[in-house]
Amino acid sequence: MILSDLGGEQLQRFKTELPSVFQQCTMHFTWKEKYYEYTFKTLCGKTAWNNKNLAVDGPGLANAVPLDDTMEDVITLLMHGATSTNDDLPEVISDKCIIGGLLGDKPGLDKFVRQRYI
């Protein structure tokens, strides 16, 4: 969330906006020139995408927690949202959810981090 510069408030908005973007709650994206489909487990359900459910609130950060479906959904969006081929994707996702495309590209990842945080 920190590298993507997206917080709980923005993710809560995505939770209400994205079901209309991702038909059948499935994101289509490319990674390393391969096509993938990811069906969100919590996007179209009742589970909130907030700091508490993602264990990034005060108490959550103090304790080890197992990866759950909500975390997996948000991680996938943050990592690969920018390469989604779905129409009508919010521009902020295209701009900020690019980390997955930088995996294995040490110079690109280094530049990304330095431009934003150093």
Protein backbone atom coordinates (compact mmCIF):
# COMPACT_ATOMS: atom_id res chain seq x y z
CA MET A 1 0.00 0.00 0.00
CA ILE A 2 2.86 2.34 0.78
CA LEU A 3 4.67 1.85 -2.53
CA SER A 4 1.42 2.25 -4.45
CA ASP A 5 0.57 5.34 -2.39
CA LEU A 6 -2.99 4.10 -1.87
CA GLY A 7 -4.60 3.99 1.54
CA GLY A 8 -7.62 2.46 3.14
CA GLU A 9 -9.93 5.33 2.21
CA GLN A 10 -9.12 5.01 -1.50
CA LEU A 11 -9.46 1.22 -1.33
CA GLN A 12 -12.91 1.56 0.25
CA ARG A 13 -13.96 3.70 -2.72
CA PHE A 14 -12.58 1.11 -5.13
CA LYS A 15 -14.63 -1.54 -3.33
CA THR A 16 -17.81 0.24 -4.40
CA GLU A 17 -16.64 1.39 -7.88
CA LEU A 18 -14.81 -1.66 -9.22
CA PRO A 19 -17.61 -4.25 -9.33
CA SER A 20 -19.00 -2.35 -12.33
CA VAL A 21 -15.55 -2.27 -13.97
CA PHE A 22 -14.62 -5.91 -13.42
CA GLN A 23 -17.47 -7.92 -14.88
CA GLN A 24 -18.12 -11.00 -12.75
CA CYS A 25 -15.51 -9.55 -10.37
CA THR A 26 -12.71 -10.69 -12.69
CA MET A 27 -9.70 -8.57 -13.59
CA HIS A 28 -7.95 -9.35 -16.85
CA PHE A 29 -4.32 -8.28 -16.97
CA THR A 30 -0.98 -8.97 -18.58
CA TRP A 31 2.26 -9.72 -16.79
CA LYS A 32 5.55 -10.52 -18.49
CA GLU A 33 3.73 -10.73 -21.82
CA LYS A 34 1.25 -13.35 -20.59
CA TYR A 35 -2.48 -12.90 -20.11
CA TYR A 36 -4.05 -13.61 -16.72
CA GLU A 37 -7.48 -13.54 -15.14
CA TYR A 38 -7.98 -13.00 -11.44
CA THR A 39 -11.41 -13.40 -9.88
CA PHE A 40 -11.71 -11.33 -6.74
CA LYS A 41 -13.03 -13.23 -3.76
CA THR A 42 -14.20 -10.22 -1.70
CA LEU A 43 -14.72 -7.39 -4.20
CA CYS A 44 -18.35 -8.25 -4.91
CA GLY A 45 -19.08 -9.41 -1.36
CA LYS A 46 -19.77 -7.67 1.91
CA THR A 47 -16.22 -7.66 3.29
CA ALA A 48 -14.91 -4.10 3.53
CA TRP A 49 -11.53 -3.15 2.10
CA ASN A 50 -10.45 -1.07 5.05
CA ASN A 51 -7.34 -0.77 7.19
CA LYS A 52 -8.74 -3.02 9.91
CA ASN A 53 -9.65 -5.87 7.53
CA LEU A 54 -6.26 -5.53 5.83
CA ALA A 55 -4.51 -5.60 9.24
CA VAL A 56 -2.73 -2.31 8.55
CA ASP A 57 -4.36 -0.40 11.39
CA GLY A 58 -2.54 0.12 14.70
CA PRO A 59 -3.43 -3.21 16.33
CA GLY A 60 -3.08 -5.12 13.05
CA LEU A 61 0.45 -3.91 12.46
CA ALA A 62 1.49 -5.12 15.92
CA ASN A 63 0.48 -8.74 15.27
CA ALA A 64 1.34 -11.37 12.69
CA VAL A 65 -1.76 -12.32 10.72
CA PRO A 66 -2.24 -14.94 8.01
CA LEU A 67 -2.91 -13.86 4.44
CA ASP A 68 -6.65 -13.91 3.77
CA ASP A 69 -8.89 -13.38 0.74
CA THR A 70 -9.28 -9.63 1.34
CA MET A 71 -5.53 -9.14 1.51
CA GLU A 72 -4.98 -11.29 -1.58
CA ASP A 73 -7.54 -9.29 -3.56
CA VAL A 74 -5.99 -5.95 -2.60
CA ILE A 75 -2.44 -7.20 -3.23
CA THR A 76 -3.41 -8.37 -6.71
CA LEU A 77 -5.03 -5.03 -7.51
CA LEU A 78 -2.06 -3.05 -6.18
CA MET A 79 0.47 -5.22 -8.02
CA HIS A 80 -1.25 -5.62 -11.39
CA GLY A 81 -4.08 -3.08 -11.63
CA ALA A 82 -2.17 -0.86 -14.06
CA THR A 83 -1.90 -3.66 -16.61
CA SER A 84 -5.60 -4.48 -16.43
CA THR A 85 -7.27 -4.73 -19.81
CA ASN A 86 -10.72 -4.03 -18.33
CA ASP A 87 -12.42 -0.88 -19.62
CA ASP A 88 -13.22 2.15 -17.47
CA LEU A 89 -10.51 1.52 -14.90
CA PRO A 90 -10.05 4.52 -12.57
CA GLU A 91 -7.01 6.51 -13.69
CA VAL A 92 -5.45 6.37 -10.23
CA ILE A 93 -5.13 2.58 -10.59
CA SER A 94 -3.40 2.94 -13.96
CA ASP A 95 -1.02 5.48 -12.42
CA LYS A 96 -0.22 3.86 -9.09
CA CYS A 97 -0.76 0.09 -9.29
CA ILE A 98 2.36 -0.66 -11.35
CA ILE A 99 4.60 -2.56 -8.95
CA GLY A 100 3.95 -5.98 -10.50
CA GLY A 101 5.27 -4.74 -13.83
CA LEU A 102 8.53 -3.76 -12.13
CA LEU A 103 9.25 -7.16 -10.61
CA GLY A 104 12.55 -8.44 -11.97
CA ASP A 105 13.47 -4.97 -13.26
CA LYS A 106 15.88 -3.81 -10.58
CA PRO A 107 16.79 -0.50 -12.29
CA GLY A 108 13.12 0.28 -12.97
CA LEU A 109 12.08 -0.56 -9.42
CA ASP A 110 14.97 1.44 -8.00
CA LYS A 111 13.97 4.46 -10.12
CA PHE A 112 10.32 4.09 -9.10
CA VAL A 113 11.17 4.07 -5.38
CA ARG A 114 13.69 6.91 -5.64
CA GLN A 115 11.32 9.17 -7.59
CA ARG A 116 8.57 8.74 -5.06
CA TYR A 117 10.24 8.31 -1.71
CA ILE A 118 13.83 9.53 -1.66
